[in-house]
PDB file of N, CA and C in Angstrom:
ATOM      1  N   MET A   1     129.772  15.568 -17.499  1.00  0.00           N
ATOM      2  CA  MET A   1     129.441  14.954 -18.777  1.00  0.00           C
ATOM      3  C   MET A   1     127.935  15.025 -19.032  1.00  0.00           C
ATOM      4  N   ASN A   2     127.141  14.716 -18.011  1.00  0.00           N
ATOM      5  CA  ASN A   2     125.693  14.742 -18.165  1.00  0.00           C
ATOM      6  C   ASN A   2     125.195  16.154 -18.467  1.00  0.00           C
ATOM      7  N   LEU A   3     125.774  17.151 -17.801  1.00  0.00           N
ATOM      8  CA  LEU A   3     125.392  18.542 -18.048  1.00  0.00           C
ATOM      9  C   LEU A   3     125.731  18.943 -19.481  1.00  0.00           C
ATOM     10  N   THR A   4     126.857  18.504 -19.979  1.00  0.00           N
ATOM     11  CA  THR A   4     127.277  18.836 -21.339  1.00  0.00           C
ATOM     12  C   THR A   4     126.324  18.240 -22.372  1.00  0.00           C
ATOM     13  N   ILE A   5     125.976  16.981 -22.188  1.00  0.00           N
ATOM     14  CA  ILE A   5     125.055  16.333 -23.129  1.00  0.00           C
ATOM     15  C   ILE A   5     123.690  17.017 -23.086  1.00  0.00           C
ATOM     16  N   THR A   6     123.215  17.298 -21.877  1.00  0.00           N
ATOM     17  CA  THR A   6     121.929  17.981 -21.737  1.00  0.00           C
ATOM     18  C   THR A   6     121.963  19.346 -22.399  1.00  0.00           C
ATOM     19  N   PHE A   7     123.069  20.077 -22.216  1.00  0.00           N
ATOM     20  CA  PHE A   7     123.185  21.399 -22.827  1.00  0.00           C
ATOM     21  C   PHE A   7     123.123  21.316 -24.343  1.00  0.00           C
ATOM     22  N   PHE A   8     123.875  20.403 -24.943  1.00  0.00           N
ATOM     23  CA  PHE A   8     123.908  20.342 -26.396  1.00  0.00           C
ATOM     24  C   PHE A   8     122.595  19.828 -26.994  1.00  0.00           C
ATOM     25  N   VAL A   9     121.925  18.913 -26.307  1.00  0.00           N
ATOM     26  CA  VAL A   9     120.608  18.465 -26.787  1.00  0.00           C
ATOM     27  C   VAL A   9     119.609  19.620 -26.697  1.00  0.00           C
ATOM     28  N   SER A  10     119.648  20.347 -25.576  1.00  0.00           N
ATOM     29  CA  SER A  10     118.755  21.502 -25.414  1.00  0.00           C
ATOM     30  C   SER A  10     119.067  22.582 -26.438  1.00  0.00           C
ATOM     31  N   LEU A  11     120.330  22.817 -26.703  1.00  0.00           N
ATOM     32  CA  LEU A  11     120.725  23.815 -27.693  1.00  0.00           C
ATOM     33  C   LEU A  11     120.231  23.429 -29.080  1.00  0.00           C
ATOM     34  N   LEU A  12     120.349  22.171 -29.421  1.00  0.00           N
ATOM     35  CA  LEU A  12     119.862  21.705 -30.721  1.00  0.00           C
ATOM     36  C   LEU A  12     118.356  21.926 -30.834  1.00  0.00           C
ATOM     37  N   ILE A  13     117.623  21.594 -29.790  1.00  0.00           N
ATOM     38  CA  ILE A  13     116.170  21.784 -29.806  1.00  0.00           C
ATOM     39  C   ILE A  13     115.823  23.264 -29.876  1.00  0.00           C
ATOM     40  N   ALA A  14     116.559  24.099 -29.144  1.00  0.00           N
ATOM     41  CA  ALA A  14     116.296  25.541 -29.165  1.00  0.00           C
ATOM     42  C   ALA A  14     116.578  26.126 -30.549  1.00  0.00           C
ATOM     43  N   LEU A  15     117.657  25.699 -31.186  1.00  0.00           N
ATOM     44  CA  LEU A  15     117.975  26.211 -32.520  1.00  0.00           C
ATOM     45  C   LEU A  15     116.963  25.742 -33.556  1.00  0.00           C
ATOM     46  N   VAL A  16     116.455  24.527 -33.393  1.00  0.00           N
ATOM     47  CA  VAL A  16     115.397  24.055 -34.302  1.00  0.00           C
ATOM     48  C   VAL A  16     114.144  24.913 -34.120  1.00  0.00           C
ATOM     49  N   GLY A  17     113.905  25.366 -32.884  1.00  0.00           N
ATOM     50  CA  GLY A  17     112.753  26.228 -32.627  1.00  0.00           C
ATOM     51  C   GLY A  17     112.899  27.609 -33.224  1.00  0.00           C
ATOM     52  N   VAL A  18     114.130  28.043 -33.497  1.00  0.00           N
ATOM     53  CA  VAL A  18     114.369  29.369 -34.053  1.00  0.00           C
ATOM     54  C   VAL A  18     114.389  29.339 -35.582  1.00  0.00           C
ATOM     55  N   ILE A  19     114.550  28.172 -36.170  1.00  0.00           N
ATOM     56  CA  ILE A  19     114.694  28.056 -37.625  1.00  0.00           C
ATOM     57  C   ILE A  19     113.437  28.470 -38.402  1.00  0.00           C
ATOM     58  N   PRO A  20     112.223  28.052 -37.994  1.00  0.00           N
ATOM     59  CA  PRO A  20     111.051  28.419 -38.809  1.00  0.00           C
ATOM     60  C   PRO A  20     110.883  29.938 -38.899  1.00  0.00           C
ATOM     61  N   PRO A  21     110.211  30.390 -39.956  1.00  0.00           N
ATOM     62  CA  PRO A  21     110.015  31.828 -40.095  1.00  0.00           C
ATOM     63  C   PRO A  21     109.310  32.407 -38.875  1.00  0.00           C
ATOM     64  N   GLY A  22     109.898  33.434 -38.349  1.00  0.00           N
ATOM     65  CA  GLY A  22     109.347  34.089 -37.173  1.00  0.00           C
ATOM     66  C   GLY A  22     109.859  35.515 -37.113  1.00  0.00           C
ATOM     67  N   LEU A  23     109.667  36.129 -35.981  1.00  0.00           N
ATOM     68  CA  LEU A  23     110.032  37.529 -35.821  1.00  0.00           C
ATOM     69  C   LEU A  23     111.534  37.747 -36.008  1.00  0.00           C
ATOM     70  N   LEU A  24     112.354  36.877 -35.436  1.00  0.00           N
ATOM     71  CA  LEU A  24     113.803  37.064 -35.550  1.00  0.00           C
ATOM     72  C   LEU A  24     114.295  36.845 -36.973  1.00  0.00           C
ATOM     73  N   ASN A  25     113.756  35.835 -37.641  1.00  0.00           N
ATOM     74  CA  ASN A  25     114.174  35.574 -39.018  1.00  0.00           C
ATOM     75  C   ASN A  25     113.719  36.680 -39.960  1.00  0.00           C
ATOM     76  N   MET A  26     112.528  37.185 -39.742  1.00  0.00           N
ATOM     77  CA  MET A  26     112.048  38.279 -40.583  1.00  0.00           C
ATOM     78  C   MET A  26     112.856  39.547 -40.337  1.00  0.00           C
ATOM     79  N   THR A  27     113.240  39.788 -39.096  1.00  0.00           N
ATOM     80  CA  THR A  27     114.078  40.941 -38.784  1.00  0.00           C
ATOM     81  C   THR A  27     115.448  40.797 -39.432  1.00  0.00           C
ATOM     82  N   ALA A  28     116.004  39.590 -39.390  1.00  0.00           N
ATOM     83  CA  ALA A  28     117.301  39.351 -40.037  1.00  0.00           C
ATOM     84  C   ALA A  28     117.202  39.576 -41.545  1.00  0.00           C
ATOM     85  N   ALA A  29     116.111  39.133 -42.145  1.00  0.00           N
ATOM     86  CA  ALA A  29     115.920  39.336 -43.583  1.00  0.00           C
ATOM     87  C   ALA A  29     115.789  40.823 -43.899  1.00  0.00           C
ATOM     88  N   LYS A  30     115.037  41.557 -43.067  1.00  0.00           N
ATOM     89  CA  LYS A  30     114.856  42.991 -43.290  1.00  0.00           C
ATOM     90  C   LYS A  30     116.190  43.731 -43.159  1.00  0.00           C
ATOM     91  N   ILE A  31     116.981  43.354 -42.146  1.00  0.00           N
ATOM     92  CA  ILE A  31     118.288  43.993 -41.975  1.00  0.00           C
ATOM     93  C   ILE A  31     119.195  43.677 -43.157  1.00  0.00           C
ATOM     94  N   SER A  32     119.148  42.429 -43.634  1.00  0.00           N
ATOM     95  CA  SER A  32     119.975  42.049 -44.785  1.00  0.00           C
ATOM     96  C   SER A  32     119.604  42.844 -46.035  1.00  0.00           C
ATOM     97  N   ILE A  33     118.325  43.075 -46.236  1.00  0.00           N
ATOM     98  CA  ILE A  33     117.877  43.805 -47.416  1.00  0.00           C
ATOM     99  C   ILE A  33     118.229  45.287 -47.316  1.00  0.00           C
ATOM    100  N   LYS A  34     117.982  45.890 -46.148  1.00  0.00           N
ATOM    101  CA  LYS A  34     118.175  47.334 -46.014  1.00  0.00           C
ATOM    102  C   LYS A  34     119.620  47.739 -45.756  1.00  0.00           C
ATOM    103  N   GLU A  35     120.344  46.940 -44.947  1.00  0.00           N
ATOM    104  CA  GLU A  35     121.678  47.367 -44.524  1.00  0.00           C
ATOM    105  C   GLU A  35     122.807  46.502 -45.058  1.00  0.00           C
ATOM    106  N   GLY A  36     122.488  45.427 -45.730  1.00  0.00           N
ATOM    107  CA  GLY A  36     123.526  44.599 -46.316  1.00  0.00           C
ATOM    108  C   GLY A  36     123.624  43.231 -45.650  1.00  0.00           C
ATOM    109  N   TYR A  37     124.264  42.333 -46.392  1.00  0.00           N
ATOM    110  CA  TYR A  37     124.388  40.940 -45.976  1.00  0.00           C
ATOM    111  C   TYR A  37     125.178  40.796 -44.677  1.00  0.00           C
ATOM    112  N   SER A  38     126.249  41.535 -44.535  1.00  0.00           N
ATOM    113  CA  SER A  38     127.101  41.378 -43.351  1.00  0.00           C
ATOM    114  C   SER A  38     126.380  41.816 -42.077  1.00  0.00           C
ATOM    115  N   ARG A  39     125.578  42.870 -42.158  1.00  0.00           N
ATOM    116  CA  ARG A  39     124.811  43.324 -40.990  1.00  0.00           C
ATOM    117  C   ARG A  39     123.772  42.270 -40.595  1.00  0.00           C
ATOM    118  N   GLY A  40     123.134  41.666 -41.569  1.00  0.00           N
ATOM    119  CA  GLY A  40     122.166  40.600 -41.291  1.00  0.00           C
ATOM    120  C   GLY A  40     122.828  39.388 -40.674  1.00  0.00           C
ATOM    121  N   LEU A  41     124.032  39.071 -41.140  1.00  0.00           N
ATOM    122  CA  LEU A  41     124.778  37.948 -40.585  1.00  0.00           C
ATOM    123  C   LEU A  41     125.187  38.225 -39.141  1.00  0.00           C
ATOM    124  N   VAL A  42     125.614  39.442 -38.855  1.00  0.00           N
ATOM    125  CA  VAL A  42     125.982  39.812 -37.484  1.00  0.00           C
ATOM    126  C   VAL A  42     124.758  39.725 -36.571  1.00  0.00           C
ATOM    127  N   PHE A  43     123.602  40.179 -37.050  1.00  0.00           N
ATOM    128  CA  PHE A  43     122.371  40.077 -36.270  1.00  0.00           C
ATOM    129  C   PHE A  43     122.040  38.612 -35.995  1.00  0.00           C
ATOM    130  N   SER A  44     122.155  37.762 -36.999  1.00  0.00           N
ATOM    131  CA  SER A  44     121.858  36.341 -36.828  1.00  0.00           C
ATOM    132  C   SER A  44     122.819  35.686 -35.849  1.00  0.00           C
ATOM    133  N   LEU A  45     124.079  36.052 -35.908  1.00  0.00           N
ATOM    134  CA  LEU A  45     125.049  35.514 -34.949  1.00  0.00           C
ATOM    135  C   LEU A  45     124.724  35.982 -33.531  1.00  0.00           C
ATOM    136  N   GLY A  46     124.281  37.208 -33.392  1.00  0.00           N
ATOM    137  CA  GLY A  46     123.863  37.713 -32.086  1.00  0.00           C
ATOM    138  C   GLY A  46     122.676  36.938 -31.540  1.00  0.00           C
ATOM    139  N   VAL A  47     121.731  36.630 -32.411  1.00  0.00           N
ATOM    140  CA  VAL A  47     120.581  35.828 -32.001  1.00  0.00           C
ATOM    141  C   VAL A  47     121.042  34.449 -31.529  1.00  0.00           C
ATOM    142  N   CYS A  48     121.989  33.852 -32.244  1.00  0.00           N
ATOM    143  CA  CYS A  48     122.506  32.536 -31.848  1.00  0.00           C
ATOM    144  C   CYS A  48     123.194  32.594 -30.490  1.00  0.00           C
ATOM    145  N   VAL A  49     123.947  33.650 -30.236  1.00  0.00           N
ATOM    146  CA  VAL A  49     124.610  33.787 -28.937  1.00  0.00           C
ATOM    147  C   VAL A  49     123.578  33.896 -27.819  1.00  0.00           C
ATOM    148  N   ILE A  50     122.531  34.664 -28.037  1.00  0.00           N
ATOM    149  CA  ILE A  50     121.477  34.804 -27.033  1.00  0.00           C
ATOM    150  C   ILE A  50     120.776  33.470 -26.800  1.00  0.00           C
ATOM    151  N   VAL A  51     120.523  32.703 -27.843  1.00  0.00           N
ATOM    152  CA  VAL A  51     119.890  31.389 -27.691  1.00  0.00           C
ATOM    153  C   VAL A  51     120.791  30.464 -26.882  1.00  0.00           C
ATOM    154  N   ILE A  52     122.099  30.525 -27.120  1.00  0.00           N
ATOM    155  CA  ILE A  52     123.039  29.706 -26.360  1.00  0.00           C
ATOM    156  C   ILE A  52     123.002  30.085 -24.880  1.00  0.00           C
ATOM    157  N   ILE A  53     122.994  31.369 -24.584  1.00  0.00           N
ATOM    158  CA  ILE A  53     122.956  31.827 -23.190  1.00  0.00           C
ATOM    159  C   ILE A  53     121.650  31.416 -22.525  1.00  0.00           C
ATOM    160  N   GLN A  54     120.527  31.573 -23.222  1.00  0.00           N
ATOM    161  CA  GLN A  54     119.236  31.172 -22.669  1.00  0.00           C
ATOM    162  C   GLN A  54     119.185  29.669 -22.402  1.00  0.00           C
ATOM    163  N   THR A  55     119.759  28.884 -23.303  1.00  0.00           N
ATOM    164  CA  THR A  55     119.778  27.437 -23.124  1.00  0.00           C
ATOM    165  C   THR A  55     120.625  27.052 -21.920  1.00  0.00           C
ATOM    166  N   LEU A  56     121.767  27.691 -21.757  1.00  0.00           N
ATOM    167  CA  LEU A  56     122.629  27.405 -20.611  1.00  0.00           C
ATOM    168  C   LEU A  56     121.920  27.727 -19.301  1.00  0.00           C
ATOM    169  N   ILE A  57     121.259  28.871 -19.243  1.00  0.00           N
ATOM    170  CA  ILE A  57     120.519  29.252 -18.031  1.00  0.00           C
ATOM    171  C   ILE A  57     119.389  28.255 -17.764  1.00  0.00           C
ATOM    172  N   ALA A  58     118.686  27.834 -18.803  1.00  0.00           N
ATOM    173  CA  ALA A  58     117.591  26.873 -18.630  1.00  0.00           C
ATOM    174  C   ALA A  58     118.111  25.537 -18.111  1.00  0.00           C
ATOM    175  N   VAL A  59     119.241  25.079 -18.615  1.00  0.00           N
ATOM    176  CA  VAL A  59     119.809  23.807 -18.159  1.00  0.00           C
ATOM    177  C   VAL A  59     120.262  23.916 -16.708  1.00  0.00           C
ATOM    178  N   ILE A  60     120.860  25.033 -16.346  1.00  0.00           N
ATOM    179  CA  ILE A  60     121.303  25.221 -14.958  1.00  0.00           C
ATOM    180  C   ILE A  60     120.106  25.226 -14.016  1.00  0.00           C
ATOM    181  N   PHE A  61     119.031  25.956 -14.371  1.00  0.00           N
ATOM    182  CA  PHE A  61     117.835  25.969 -13.532  1.00  0.00           C
ATOM    183  C   PHE A  61     117.178  24.597 -13.463  1.00  0.00           C
ATOM    184  N   ALA A  62     117.132  23.884 -14.581  1.00  0.00           N
ATOM    185  CA  ALA A  62     116.529  22.546 -14.584  1.00  0.00           C
ATOM    186  C   ALA A  62     117.319  21.599 -13.696  1.00  0.00           C
ATOM    187  N   ARG A  63     118.628  21.706 -13.743  1.00  0.00           N
ATOM    188  CA  ARG A  63     119.473  20.864 -12.888  1.00  0.00           C
ATOM    189  C   ARG A  63     119.239  21.202 -11.415  1.00  0.00           C
ATOM    190  N   TYR A  64     119.144  22.484 -11.093  1.00  0.00           N
ATOM    191  CA  TYR A  64     118.896  22.901  -9.717  1.00  0.00           C
ATOM    192  C   TYR A  64     117.542  22.401  -9.228  1.00  0.00           C
ATOM    193  N   LEU A  65     116.523  22.561 -10.062  1.00  0.00           N
ATOM    194  CA  LEU A  65     115.179  22.145  -9.668  1.00  0.00           C
ATOM    195  C   LEU A  65     115.060  20.637  -9.532  1.00  0.00           C
ATOM    196  N   SER A  66     115.790  19.893 -10.324  1.00  0.00           N
ATOM    197  CA  SER A  66     115.730  18.435 -10.200  1.00  0.00           C
ATOM    198  C   SER A  66     116.388  17.956  -8.917  1.00  0.00           C
ATOM    199  N   LYS A  67     117.313  18.733  -8.369  1.00  0.00           N
ATOM    200  CA  LYS A  67     117.980  18.357  -7.118  1.00  0.00           C
ATOM    201  C   LYS A  67     117.253  18.873  -5.889  1.00  0.00           C
ATOM    202  N   HIS A  68     116.364  19.856  -6.035  1.00  0.00           N
ATOM    203  CA  HIS A  68     115.676  20.473  -4.904  1.00  0.00           C
ATOM    204  C   HIS A  68     114.163  20.386  -5.112  1.00  0.00           C
ATOM    205  N   SER A  69     113.587  19.274  -4.699  1.00  0.00           N
ATOM    206  CA  SER A  69     112.152  19.067  -4.918  1.00  0.00           C
ATOM    207  C   SER A  69     111.298  19.986  -4.045  1.00  0.00           C
ATOM    208  N   GLU A  70     111.841  20.454  -2.922  1.00  0.00           N
ATOM    209  CA  GLU A  70     111.060  21.356  -2.070  1.00  0.00           C
ATOM    210  C   GLU A  70     110.831  22.696  -2.766  1.00  0.00           C
ATOM    211  N   VAL A  71     111.772  23.134  -3.576  1.00  0.00           N
ATOM    212  CA  VAL A  71     111.600  24.378  -4.336  1.00  0.00           C
ATOM    213  C   VAL A  71     110.510  24.192  -5.385  1.00  0.00           C
ATOM    214  N   VAL A  72     110.483  23.037  -6.009  1.00  0.00           N
ATOM    215  CA  VAL A  72     109.449  22.742  -7.004  1.00  0.00           C
ATOM    216  C   VAL A  72     108.074  22.755  -6.344  1.00  0.00           C
ATOM    217  N   ARG A  73     107.959  22.183  -5.152  1.00  0.00           N
ATOM    218  CA  ARG A  73     106.688  22.159  -4.441  1.00  0.00           C
ATOM    219  C   ARG A  73     106.226  23.582  -4.110  1.00  0.00           C
ATOM    220  N   ILE A  74     107.146  24.422  -3.654  1.00  0.00           N
ATOM    221  CA  ILE A  74     106.802  25.813  -3.335  1.00  0.00           C
ATOM    222  C   ILE A  74     106.372  26.561  -4.603  1.00  0.00           C
ATOM    223  N   LEU A  75     107.081  26.358  -5.702  1.00  0.00           N
ATOM    224  CA  LEU A  75     106.722  27.001  -6.968  1.00  0.00           C
ATOM    225  C   LEU A  75     105.347  26.549  -7.449  1.00  0.00           C
ATOM    226  N   GLN A  76     105.022  25.280  -7.250  1.00  0.00           N
ATOM    227  CA  GLN A  76     103.701  24.789  -7.641  1.00  0.00           C
ATOM    228  C   GLN A  76     102.602  25.447  -6.813  1.00  0.00           C
ATOM    229  N   GLN A  77     102.856  25.626  -5.532  1.00  0.00           N
ATOM    230  CA  GLN A  77     101.855  26.268  -4.675  1.00  0.00           C
ATOM    231  C   GLN A  77     101.671  27.734  -5.057  1.00  0.00           C
ATOM    232  N   VAL A  78     102.755  28.426  -5.325  1.00  0.00           N
ATOM    233  CA  VAL A  78     102.674  29.828  -5.748  1.00  0.00           C
ATOM    234  C   VAL A  78     101.944  29.932  -7.084  1.00  0.00           C
ATOM    235  N   ALA A  79     102.249  29.038  -8.006  1.00  0.00           N
ATOM    236  CA  ALA A  79     101.589  29.058  -9.317  1.00  0.00           C
ATOM    237  C   ALA A  79     100.096  28.785  -9.175  1.00  0.00           C
ATOM    238  N   PHE A  80      99.725  27.873  -8.277  1.00  0.00           N
ATOM    239  CA  PHE A  80      98.309  27.589  -8.058  1.00  0.00           C
ATOM    240  C   PHE A  80      97.574  28.837  -7.570  1.00  0.00           C
ATOM    241  N   VAL A  81      98.161  29.514  -6.592  1.00  0.00           N
ATOM    242  CA  VAL A  81      97.536  30.730  -6.063  1.00  0.00           C
ATOM    243  C   VAL A  81      97.410  31.787  -7.163  1.00  0.00           C
ATOM    244  N   LEU A  82      98.456  31.963  -7.957  1.00  0.00           N
ATOM    245  CA  LEU A  82      98.406  32.954  -9.039  1.00  0.00           C
ATOM    246  C   LEU A  82      97.329  32.616 -10.058  1.00  0.00           C
ATOM    247  N   PHE A  83      97.222  31.348 -10.437  1.00  0.00           N
ATOM    248  CA  PHE A  83      96.201  30.973 -11.414  1.00  0.00           C
ATOM    249  C   PHE A  83      94.797  31.149 -10.857  1.00  0.00           C
ATOM    250  N   VAL A  84      94.614  30.872  -9.579  1.00  0.00           N
ATOM    251  CA  VAL A  84      93.306  31.099  -8.967  1.00  0.00           C
ATOM    252  C   VAL A  84      92.978  32.589  -8.995  1.00  0.00           C
ATOM    253  N   LEU A  85      93.943  33.432  -8.644  1.00  0.00           N
ATOM    254  CA  LEU A  85      93.709  34.872  -8.666  1.00  0.00           C
ATOM    255  C   LEU A  85      93.413  35.378 -10.082  1.00  0.00           C
ATOM    256  N   ILE A  86      94.144  34.868 -11.051  1.00  0.00           N
ATOM    257  CA  ILE A  86      93.897  35.269 -12.444  1.00  0.00           C
ATOM    258  C   ILE A  86      92.509  34.813 -12.897  1.00  0.00           C
ATOM    259  N   THR A  87      92.114  33.603 -12.489  1.00  0.00           N
ATOM    260  CA  THR A  87      90.795  33.098 -12.849  1.00  0.00           C
ATOM    261  C   THR A  87      89.697  33.974 -12.265  1.00  0.00           C
ATOM    262  N   VAL A  88      89.840  34.324 -11.007  1.00  0.00           N
ATOM    263  CA  VAL A  88      88.852  35.192 -10.362  1.00  0.00           C
ATOM    264  C   VAL A  88      88.821  36.542 -11.061  1.00  0.00           C
ATOM    265  N   TYR A  89      89.980  37.076 -11.403  1.00  0.00           N
ATOM    266  CA  TYR A  89      90.039  38.369 -12.091  1.00  0.00           C
ATOM    267  C   TYR A  89      89.296  38.315 -13.430  1.00  0.00           C
ATOM    268  N   PHE A  90      89.491  37.261 -14.204  1.00  0.00           N
ATOM    269  CA  PHE A  90      88.858  37.197 -15.524  1.00  0.00           C
ATOM    270  C   PHE A  90      87.368  36.910 -15.433  1.00  0.00           C
ATOM    271  N   PHE A  91      86.902  36.287 -14.340  1.00  0.00           N
ATOM    272  CA  PHE A  91      85.471  36.080 -14.183  1.00  0.00           C
ATOM    273  C   PHE A  91      84.765  37.398 -13.906  1.00  0.00           C
ATOM    274  N   TYR A  92      85.479  38.329 -13.289  1.00  0.00           N
ATOM    275  CA  TYR A  92      84.879  39.638 -13.012  1.00  0.00           C
ATOM    276  C   TYR A  92      85.389  40.604 -14.022  1.00  0.00           C
TER     277      TYR A  92
END
């Protein structure tokens, strides 16, 4: 039940993030103008399916990371090293 609620809240937030004009919406508009309304609708439905899949993967990873704090600690250490290396690279 908790996973389901988290998924649908995340999906709602992800879809709200896709609504403003952006690359996907402009592409859908261009396809609708050049190839017809139905092609644009199919493209938009494809985008929605991809957003649903991305949201599901994000919820699964978030659930895994919340249960395994040692993985989070290792990821933080790796991220720290990477940011230090990137910082040194940009200074030179």
